[in-house]
Amino acid sequence: MKLIWGIVAMAITTSTALAQGGRVNHYSAAELQQMAHKLQQQGSFRTTGSAGETLDKYPGSFTMLTVRNASGGAELHEHYADIFFVVDGEATLTSGGTVVDAKTTAPGEIRGSSVSGGVEQKLGKGDVVHISPNTPHQLSIQEGKSFTYLVVKVKE
């Protein structure tokens, strides 16, 4: 597990340093947990079961931390890949298939009520997932559970 996180940290800091001319952003596990706790205190988390924060923006990518204790809707990003690094908790990712009740919510961003015909994968602490652009996906959270993940959104 530590090896995976070490590789992930090296990849993020190396790409960040190259993109920013030597700037390095580092988030320890303890810092991510502290940020997640703050997100859980937000009013939006209490009403929707989800809260997120953009950590930093880079040329062609940005990082976010998101906490959920409720399932989300379906998503499809036409121009961005999502890379999830599971910090804590568990969820089911449904990917592929089609977005039900699809609506464009912003340029290149499609949302819907669910994913139909996708493949389910269980996710847990330490897992890493890459979701290519134009891939419908949805996270489902079991009642009473929570899910904290770092997202790197990469323009492709």
N, C-alpha and C. Protein backbone atom coordinates (compact mmCIF):
# COMPACT_ATOMS: atom_id res chain seq x y z
N MET A 1 0.83 -1.18 0.00
CA MET A 1 0.00 0.00 0.00
C MET A 1 0.87 1.25 0.00
N LYS A 2 1.90 1.27 0.88
CA LYS A 2 2.78 2.44 0.94
C LYS A 2 3.51 2.62 -0.38
N LEU A 3 3.86 1.52 -1.05
CA LEU A 3 4.53 1.60 -2.33
C LEU A 3 3.64 2.28 -3.37
N ILE A 4 2.35 1.90 -3.39
CA ILE A 4 1.41 2.51 -4.34
C ILE A 4 1.33 4.00 -4.10
N TRP A 5 1.14 4.42 -2.83
CA TRP A 5 1.01 5.85 -2.52
C TRP A 5 2.31 6.57 -2.84
N GLY A 6 3.45 5.92 -2.63
CA GLY A 6 4.73 6.54 -2.97
C GLY A 6 4.84 6.79 -4.47
N ILE A 7 4.43 5.81 -5.27
CA ILE A 7 4.45 5.97 -6.72
C ILE A 7 3.49 7.07 -7.15
N VAL A 8 2.30 7.09 -6.56
CA VAL A 8 1.31 8.12 -6.88
C VAL A 8 1.86 9.50 -6.53
N ALA A 9 2.43 9.64 -5.33
CA ALA A 9 2.96 10.94 -4.92
C ALA A 9 4.08 11.39 -5.85
N MET A 10 4.95 10.44 -6.24
CA MET A 10 6.04 10.78 -7.14
C MET A 10 5.51 11.24 -8.50
N ALA A 11 4.51 10.53 -9.02
CA ALA A 11 3.94 10.90 -10.31
C ALA A 11 3.29 12.28 -10.27
N ILE A 12 2.53 12.54 -9.21
CA ILE A 12 1.86 13.84 -9.10
C ILE A 12 2.88 14.95 -8.91
N THR A 13 3.84 14.76 -8.00
CA THR A 13 4.79 15.84 -7.75
C THR A 13 5.72 16.06 -8.94
N THR A 14 6.08 14.99 -9.65
CA THR A 14 6.93 15.14 -10.83
C THR A 14 6.19 15.90 -11.93
N SER A 15 4.96 15.51 -12.22
CA SER A 15 4.22 16.20 -13.28
C SER A 15 3.91 17.63 -12.87
N THR A 16 3.63 17.85 -11.59
CA THR A 16 3.37 19.20 -11.11
C THR A 16 4.63 20.05 -11.21
N ALA A 17 5.75 19.50 -10.79
CA ALA A 17 7.00 20.25 -10.84
C ALA A 17 7.35 20.62 -12.28
N LEU A 18 7.18 19.70 -13.20
CA LEU A 18 7.47 19.99 -14.60
C LEU A 18 6.52 21.04 -15.15
N ALA A 19 5.24 20.93 -14.82
CA ALA A 19 4.24 21.86 -15.34
C ALA A 19 4.40 23.25 -14.74
N GLN A 20 4.88 23.34 -13.51
CA GLN A 20 4.94 24.62 -12.82
C GLN A 20 6.37 25.14 -12.65
N GLY A 21 7.31 24.60 -13.40
CA GLY A 21 8.67 25.10 -13.31
C GLY A 21 9.29 24.88 -11.94
N GLY A 22 9.07 23.73 -11.34
CA GLY A 22 9.71 23.41 -10.08
C GLY A 22 8.80 23.49 -8.87
N ARG A 23 7.57 23.99 -9.01
CA ARG A 23 6.63 24.06 -7.88
C ARG A 23 6.16 22.65 -7.54
N VAL A 24 6.15 22.33 -6.27
CA VAL A 24 5.70 21.01 -5.82
C VAL A 24 4.60 21.20 -4.78
N ASN A 25 3.49 20.49 -4.97
CA ASN A 25 2.41 20.47 -3.98
C ASN A 25 2.41 19.09 -3.36
N HIS A 26 2.36 19.04 -2.05
CA HIS A 26 2.37 17.77 -1.34
C HIS A 26 1.22 17.78 -0.33
N TYR A 27 0.43 16.72 -0.32
CA TYR A 27 -0.65 16.56 0.64
C TYR A 27 -0.42 15.25 1.38
N SER A 28 -0.13 15.34 2.66
CA SER A 28 0.08 14.12 3.44
C SER A 28 -1.27 13.46 3.69
N ALA A 29 -1.23 12.20 4.08
CA ALA A 29 -2.46 11.48 4.41
C ALA A 29 -3.20 12.20 5.54
N ALA A 30 -2.46 12.69 6.53
CA ALA A 30 -3.08 13.39 7.65
C ALA A 30 -3.75 14.69 7.18
N GLU A 31 -3.10 15.42 6.27
CA GLU A 31 -3.70 16.66 5.75
C GLU A 31 -4.97 16.36 4.96
N LEU A 32 -4.95 15.31 4.16
CA LEU A 32 -6.14 14.95 3.40
C LEU A 32 -7.29 14.57 4.33
N GLN A 33 -6.99 13.84 5.38
CA GLN A 33 -8.02 13.46 6.35
C GLN A 33 -8.58 14.71 7.05
N GLN A 34 -7.71 15.66 7.38
CA GLN A 34 -8.14 16.89 8.03
C GLN A 34 -9.03 17.70 7.08
N MET A 35 -8.65 17.80 5.81
CA MET A 35 -9.46 18.50 4.82
C MET A 35 -10.81 17.80 4.64
N ALA A 36 -10.79 16.48 4.63
CA ALA A 36 -12.03 15.72 4.48
C ALA A 36 -12.97 16.00 5.65
N HIS A 37 -12.41 16.06 6.84
CA HIS A 37 -13.23 16.35 8.03
C HIS A 37 -13.88 17.73 7.91
N LYS A 38 -13.14 18.71 7.42
CA LYS A 38 -13.69 20.06 7.23
C LYS A 38 -14.81 20.05 6.18
N LEU A 39 -14.63 19.26 5.12
CA LEU A 39 -15.66 19.17 4.09
C LEU A 39 -16.95 18.58 4.65
N GLN A 40 -16.81 17.62 5.56
CA GLN A 40 -17.98 16.98 6.16
C GLN A 40 -18.76 17.94 7.06
N GLN A 41 -18.16 19.05 7.47
CA GLN A 41 -18.83 20.03 8.31
C GLN A 41 -19.61 21.06 7.50
N GLN A 42 -19.41 21.07 6.18
CA GLN A 42 -20.09 22.04 5.33
C GLN A 42 -21.59 21.73 5.25
N GLY A 43 -22.37 22.79 5.11
CA GLY A 43 -23.81 22.64 4.98
C GLY A 43 -24.20 21.81 3.78
N SER A 44 -23.47 21.97 2.66
CA SER A 44 -23.81 21.20 1.45
C SER A 44 -23.64 19.70 1.68
N PHE A 45 -22.65 19.32 2.49
CA PHE A 45 -22.45 17.90 2.77
C PHE A 45 -23.63 17.35 3.57
N ARG A 46 -24.09 18.13 4.52
CA ARG A 46 -25.20 17.68 5.36
C ARG A 46 -26.50 17.57 4.57
N THR A 47 -26.67 18.39 3.54
CA THR A 47 -27.93 18.35 2.77
C THR A 47 -27.86 17.42 1.56
N THR A 48 -26.69 17.31 0.91
CA THR A 48 -26.59 16.51 -0.32
C THR A 48 -25.80 15.22 -0.15
N GLY A 49 -25.03 15.12 0.94
CA GLY A 49 -24.20 13.94 1.14
C GLY A 49 -22.92 13.96 0.35
N SER A 50 -22.55 15.15 -0.16
CA SER A 50 -21.33 15.28 -0.95
C SER A 50 -20.76 16.68 -0.80
N ALA A 51 -19.44 16.76 -0.68
CA ALA A 51 -18.75 18.05 -0.66
C ALA A 51 -17.38 17.86 -1.27
N GLY A 52 -16.94 18.86 -2.01
CA GLY A 52 -15.63 18.78 -2.64
C GLY A 52 -14.96 20.13 -2.68
N GLU A 53 -13.64 20.09 -2.87
CA GLU A 53 -12.86 21.32 -2.92
C GLU A 53 -11.73 21.14 -3.94
N THR A 54 -11.57 22.14 -4.80
CA THR A 54 -10.43 22.14 -5.71
C THR A 54 -9.20 22.50 -4.89
N LEU A 55 -8.17 21.66 -4.98
CA LEU A 55 -6.95 21.89 -4.22
C LEU A 55 -5.99 22.80 -4.97
N ASP A 56 -5.80 22.54 -6.26
CA ASP A 56 -4.93 23.38 -7.06
C ASP A 56 -5.20 23.16 -8.53
N LYS A 57 -4.81 24.15 -9.34
CA LYS A 57 -4.98 24.08 -10.79
C LYS A 57 -3.62 24.20 -11.46
N TYR A 58 -3.47 23.43 -12.52
CA TYR A 58 -2.23 23.39 -13.29
C TYR A 58 -2.58 23.49 -14.77
N PRO A 59 -1.60 23.73 -15.63
CA PRO A 59 -1.91 23.70 -17.07
C PRO A 59 -2.36 22.30 -17.48
N GLY A 60 -3.60 22.17 -17.91
CA GLY A 60 -4.10 20.89 -18.40
C GLY A 60 -4.63 19.94 -17.34
N SER A 61 -4.62 20.33 -16.05
CA SER A 61 -5.16 19.45 -15.02
C SER A 61 -5.46 20.24 -13.75
N PHE A 62 -6.22 19.59 -12.86
CA PHE A 62 -6.42 20.16 -11.53
C PHE A 62 -6.73 19.02 -10.57
N THR A 63 -6.57 19.30 -9.27
CA THR A 63 -6.81 18.30 -8.23
C THR A 63 -7.97 18.74 -7.35
N MET A 64 -8.72 17.75 -6.89
CA MET A 64 -9.87 17.99 -6.01
C MET A 64 -9.88 16.92 -4.92
N LEU A 65 -10.45 17.28 -3.78
CA LEU A 65 -10.73 16.30 -2.74
C LEU A 65 -12.25 16.28 -2.57
N THR A 66 -12.83 15.09 -2.57
CA THR A 66 -14.27 14.95 -2.45
C THR A 66 -14.60 13.92 -1.37
N VAL A 67 -15.66 14.21 -0.60
CA VAL A 67 -16.16 13.31 0.43
C VAL A 67 -17.63 13.06 0.14
N ARG A 68 -18.05 11.80 0.21
CA ARG A 68 -19.45 11.44 -0.01
C ARG A 68 -19.92 10.48 1.07
N ASN A 69 -21.20 10.63 1.43
CA ASN A 69 -21.87 9.60 2.22
C ASN A 69 -23.21 9.27 1.56
N ALA A 70 -23.37 9.73 0.31
CA ALA A 70 -24.55 9.44 -0.49
C ALA A 70 -24.12 9.23 -1.94
N SER A 71 -24.87 8.44 -2.66
CA SER A 71 -24.55 8.17 -4.06
C SER A 71 -24.67 9.44 -4.89
N GLY A 72 -23.89 9.51 -5.95
CA GLY A 72 -23.95 10.64 -6.86
C GLY A 72 -24.70 10.27 -8.13
N GLY A 73 -24.94 11.26 -8.95
CA GLY A 73 -25.56 11.01 -10.25
C GLY A 73 -24.53 10.55 -11.25
N ALA A 74 -25.00 10.28 -12.45
CA ALA A 74 -24.10 9.86 -13.53
C ALA A 74 -23.37 11.08 -14.07
N GLU A 75 -22.13 10.86 -14.54
CA GLU A 75 -21.31 11.92 -15.12
C GLU A 75 -20.64 11.42 -16.38
N LEU A 76 -20.33 12.35 -17.26
CA LEU A 76 -19.52 12.08 -18.44
C LEU A 76 -18.79 13.37 -18.76
N HIS A 77 -17.47 13.29 -18.85
CA HIS A 77 -16.63 14.46 -19.17
C HIS A 77 -16.06 14.24 -20.57
N GLU A 78 -16.40 15.11 -21.49
CA GLU A 78 -15.96 14.93 -22.87
C GLU A 78 -14.46 15.15 -23.05
N HIS A 79 -13.86 16.03 -22.26
CA HIS A 79 -12.47 16.42 -22.49
C HIS A 79 -11.51 16.09 -21.36
N TYR A 80 -12.03 15.57 -20.26
CA TYR A 80 -11.19 15.29 -19.09
C TYR A 80 -11.26 13.83 -18.68
N ALA A 81 -10.11 13.29 -18.33
CA ALA A 81 -10.04 11.99 -17.66
C ALA A 81 -10.10 12.25 -16.16
N ASP A 82 -10.70 11.35 -15.42
CA ASP A 82 -10.70 11.39 -13.96
C ASP A 82 -9.77 10.30 -13.46
N ILE A 83 -8.89 10.66 -12.54
CA ILE A 83 -8.06 9.67 -11.87
C ILE A 83 -8.42 9.77 -10.39
N PHE A 84 -8.98 8.70 -9.85
CA PHE A 84 -9.40 8.65 -8.45
C PHE A 84 -8.32 7.94 -7.63
N PHE A 85 -7.96 8.54 -6.50
CA PHE A 85 -7.09 7.93 -5.50
C PHE A 85 -7.95 7.83 -4.24
N VAL A 86 -8.32 6.63 -3.86
CA VAL A 86 -9.23 6.45 -2.72
C VAL A 86 -8.45 6.65 -1.43
N VAL A 87 -8.85 7.68 -0.68
CA VAL A 87 -8.20 8.03 0.58
C VAL A 87 -8.78 7.20 1.72
N ASP A 88 -10.11 7.02 1.71
CA ASP A 88 -10.75 6.28 2.80
C ASP A 88 -12.15 5.85 2.36
N GLY A 89 -12.66 4.81 2.98
CA GLY A 89 -14.03 4.37 2.75
C GLY A 89 -14.17 3.40 1.60
N GLU A 90 -15.44 3.23 1.18
CA GLU A 90 -15.73 2.30 0.10
C GLU A 90 -16.91 2.80 -0.72
N ALA A 91 -16.92 2.41 -1.99
CA ALA A 91 -17.99 2.78 -2.92
C ALA A 91 -18.03 1.77 -4.04
N THR A 92 -19.08 1.85 -4.83
CA THR A 92 -19.17 1.05 -6.05
C THR A 92 -19.14 2.03 -7.22
N LEU A 93 -18.21 1.81 -8.14
CA LEU A 93 -18.11 2.61 -9.35
C LEU A 93 -18.78 1.84 -10.48
N THR A 94 -19.75 2.48 -11.14
CA THR A 94 -20.35 1.92 -12.34
C THR A 94 -19.82 2.75 -13.50
N SER A 95 -19.23 2.08 -14.48
CA SER A 95 -18.65 2.81 -15.62
C SER A 95 -19.00 2.11 -16.93
N GLY A 96 -19.01 2.91 -18.01
CA GLY A 96 -19.40 2.39 -19.31
C GLY A 96 -20.90 2.54 -19.48
N GLY A 97 -21.46 1.88 -20.45
CA GLY A 97 -22.91 1.97 -20.67
C GLY A 97 -23.33 3.34 -21.17
N THR A 98 -24.50 3.79 -20.72
CA THR A 98 -25.03 5.08 -21.15
C THR A 98 -25.55 5.87 -19.95
N VAL A 99 -25.55 7.19 -20.10
CA VAL A 99 -26.09 8.08 -19.07
C VAL A 99 -27.60 8.19 -19.27
N VAL A 100 -28.36 7.86 -18.24
CA VAL A 100 -29.82 7.96 -18.28
C VAL A 100 -30.23 9.41 -17.99
N ASP A 101 -31.19 9.92 -18.75
CA ASP A 101 -31.67 11.31 -18.58
C ASP A 101 -30.53 12.31 -18.76
N ALA A 102 -29.68 12.10 -19.76
CA ALA A 102 -28.49 12.93 -19.97
C ALA A 102 -28.85 14.38 -20.28
N LYS A 103 -28.13 15.29 -19.60
CA LYS A 103 -28.29 16.72 -19.83
C LYS A 103 -26.92 17.36 -19.80
N THR A 104 -26.65 18.27 -20.74
CA THR A 104 -25.40 19.02 -20.73
C THR A 104 -25.53 20.11 -19.68
N THR A 105 -24.64 20.11 -18.69
CA THR A 105 -24.70 21.08 -17.59
C THR A 105 -23.67 22.19 -17.75
N ALA A 106 -22.66 21.96 -18.56
CA ALA A 106 -21.61 22.94 -18.87
C ALA A 106 -20.93 22.42 -20.13
N PRO A 107 -20.17 23.25 -20.83
CA PRO A 107 -19.50 22.75 -22.03
C PRO A 107 -18.66 21.50 -21.73
N GLY A 108 -18.96 20.41 -22.43
CA GLY A 108 -18.21 19.17 -22.27
C GLY A 108 -18.58 18.36 -21.04
N GLU A 109 -19.59 18.79 -20.29
CA GLU A 109 -19.98 18.11 -19.04
C GLU A 109 -21.42 17.65 -19.15
N ILE A 110 -21.64 16.35 -19.01
CA ILE A 110 -22.97 15.76 -19.10
C ILE A 110 -23.28 15.07 -17.78
N ARG A 111 -24.50 15.29 -17.28
CA ARG A 111 -24.95 14.67 -16.04
C ARG A 111 -26.27 13.95 -16.30
N GLY A 112 -26.56 12.97 -15.47
CA GLY A 112 -27.81 12.24 -15.59
C GLY A 112 -28.17 11.58 -14.28
N SER A 113 -29.28 10.86 -14.29
CA SER A 113 -29.77 10.24 -13.06
C SER A 113 -29.02 8.96 -12.70
N SER A 114 -28.54 8.23 -13.71
CA SER A 114 -27.84 6.97 -13.44
C SER A 114 -27.09 6.52 -14.69
N VAL A 115 -26.33 5.44 -14.53
CA VAL A 115 -25.64 4.79 -15.65
C VAL A 115 -26.36 3.48 -15.90
N SER A 116 -26.73 3.25 -17.15
CA SER A 116 -27.39 2.00 -17.54
C SER A 116 -26.42 1.16 -18.35
N GLY A 117 -26.35 -0.14 -18.04
CA GLY A 117 -25.53 -1.06 -18.82
C GLY A 117 -24.04 -0.98 -18.54
N GLY A 118 -23.66 -0.37 -17.43
CA GLY A 118 -22.24 -0.26 -17.09
C GLY A 118 -21.72 -1.46 -16.32
N VAL A 119 -20.45 -1.42 -16.01
CA VAL A 119 -19.77 -2.47 -15.24
C VAL A 119 -19.51 -1.93 -13.84
N GLU A 120 -19.82 -2.73 -12.82
CA GLU A 120 -19.61 -2.32 -11.44
C GLU A 120 -18.28 -2.82 -10.91
N GLN A 121 -17.61 -1.94 -10.14
CA GLN A 121 -16.36 -2.30 -9.47
C GLN A 121 -16.41 -1.76 -8.06
N LYS A 122 -16.03 -2.58 -7.10
CA LYS A 122 -15.94 -2.14 -5.70
C LYS A 122 -14.62 -1.39 -5.52
N LEU A 123 -14.69 -0.24 -4.86
CA LEU A 123 -13.50 0.56 -4.59
C LEU A 123 -13.30 0.68 -3.09
N GLY A 124 -12.03 0.67 -2.67
CA GLY A 124 -11.70 0.82 -1.26
C GLY A 124 -10.39 1.56 -1.09
N LYS A 125 -10.06 1.86 0.14
CA LYS A 125 -8.88 2.63 0.50
C LYS A 125 -7.64 2.10 -0.22
N GLY A 126 -6.91 3.02 -0.85
CA GLY A 126 -5.69 2.66 -1.57
C GLY A 126 -5.88 2.37 -3.05
N ASP A 127 -7.13 2.18 -3.49
CA ASP A 127 -7.38 1.90 -4.91
C ASP A 127 -7.15 3.14 -5.76
N VAL A 128 -6.75 2.91 -7.00
CA VAL A 128 -6.54 3.97 -7.99
C VAL A 128 -7.32 3.59 -9.24
N VAL A 129 -8.06 4.56 -9.79
CA VAL A 129 -8.90 4.31 -10.97
C VAL A 129 -8.66 5.42 -11.98
N HIS A 130 -8.53 5.05 -13.25
CA HIS A 130 -8.47 6.02 -14.36
C HIS A 130 -9.74 5.87 -15.18
N ILE A 131 -10.47 6.97 -15.36
CA ILE A 131 -11.69 6.98 -16.17
C ILE A 131 -11.43 7.87 -17.37
N SER A 132 -11.41 7.29 -18.55
CA SER A 132 -11.12 8.04 -19.77
C SER A 132 -12.23 9.02 -20.10
N PRO A 133 -11.91 10.08 -20.86
CA PRO A 133 -12.96 10.99 -21.32
C PRO A 133 -14.05 10.22 -22.07
N ASN A 134 -15.25 10.77 -22.07
CA ASN A 134 -16.41 10.19 -22.76
C ASN A 134 -16.86 8.85 -22.18
N THR A 135 -16.50 8.58 -20.94
CA THR A 135 -16.90 7.35 -20.27
C THR A 135 -17.93 7.67 -19.19
N PRO A 136 -19.16 7.21 -19.35
CA PRO A 136 -20.14 7.42 -18.29
C PRO A 136 -19.67 6.75 -17.00
N HIS A 137 -19.89 7.42 -15.86
CA HIS A 137 -19.52 6.82 -14.58
C HIS A 137 -20.37 7.40 -13.46
N GLN A 138 -20.49 6.59 -12.40
CA GLN A 138 -21.31 6.97 -11.25
C GLN A 138 -20.78 6.25 -10.02
N LEU A 139 -20.74 6.97 -8.90
CA LEU A 139 -20.35 6.37 -7.63
C LEU A 139 -21.58 6.12 -6.77
N SER A 140 -21.68 4.90 -6.23
CA SER A 140 -22.77 4.54 -5.33
C SER A 140 -22.17 4.26 -3.96
N ILE A 141 -22.78 4.87 -2.96
CA ILE A 141 -22.31 4.72 -1.59
C ILE A 141 -23.39 3.98 -0.80
N GLN A 142 -23.00 2.91 -0.14
CA GLN A 142 -23.95 2.14 0.68
C GLN A 142 -24.36 2.98 1.90
N GLU A 143 -25.63 2.89 2.27
CA GLU A 143 -26.13 3.65 3.42
C GLU A 143 -25.27 3.37 4.65
N GLY A 144 -24.92 4.45 5.34
CA GLY A 144 -24.10 4.34 6.54
C GLY A 144 -22.61 4.34 6.28
N LYS A 145 -22.21 4.34 5.02
CA LYS A 145 -20.79 4.32 4.64
C LYS A 145 -20.38 5.70 4.13
N SER A 146 -19.09 5.93 4.02
CA SER A 146 -18.58 7.17 3.43
C SER A 146 -17.43 6.84 2.49
N PHE A 147 -17.08 7.81 1.67
CA PHE A 147 -16.06 7.61 0.64
C PHE A 147 -15.32 8.93 0.45
N THR A 148 -14.00 8.91 0.63
CA THR A 148 -13.17 10.09 0.45
C THR A 148 -12.15 9.78 -0.63
N TYR A 149 -12.07 10.68 -1.65
CA TYR A 149 -11.14 10.43 -2.73
C TYR A 149 -10.55 11.71 -3.29
N LEU A 150 -9.28 11.59 -3.68
CA LEU A 150 -8.57 12.66 -4.37
C LEU A 150 -8.79 12.42 -5.85
N VAL A 151 -9.18 13.47 -6.57
CA VAL A 151 -9.40 13.37 -8.01
C VAL A 151 -8.37 14.23 -8.72
N VAL A 152 -7.71 13.66 -9.71
CA VAL A 152 -6.88 14.43 -10.62
C VAL A 152 -7.63 14.44 -11.94
N LYS A 153 -8.04 15.62 -12.38
CA LYS A 153 -8.74 15.77 -13.65
C LYS A 153 -7.72 16.22 -14.68
N VAL A 154 -7.55 15.41 -15.73
CA VAL A 154 -6.50 15.66 -16.72
C VAL A 154 -7.16 15.90 -18.08
N LYS A 155 -6.86 17.05 -18.69
CA LYS A 155 -7.40 17.34 -20.01
C LYS A 155 -6.70 16.46 -21.04
N GLU A 156 -7.50 15.72 -21.81
CA GLU A 156 -6.92 14.82 -22.82
C GLU A 156 -7.43 15.19 -24.19
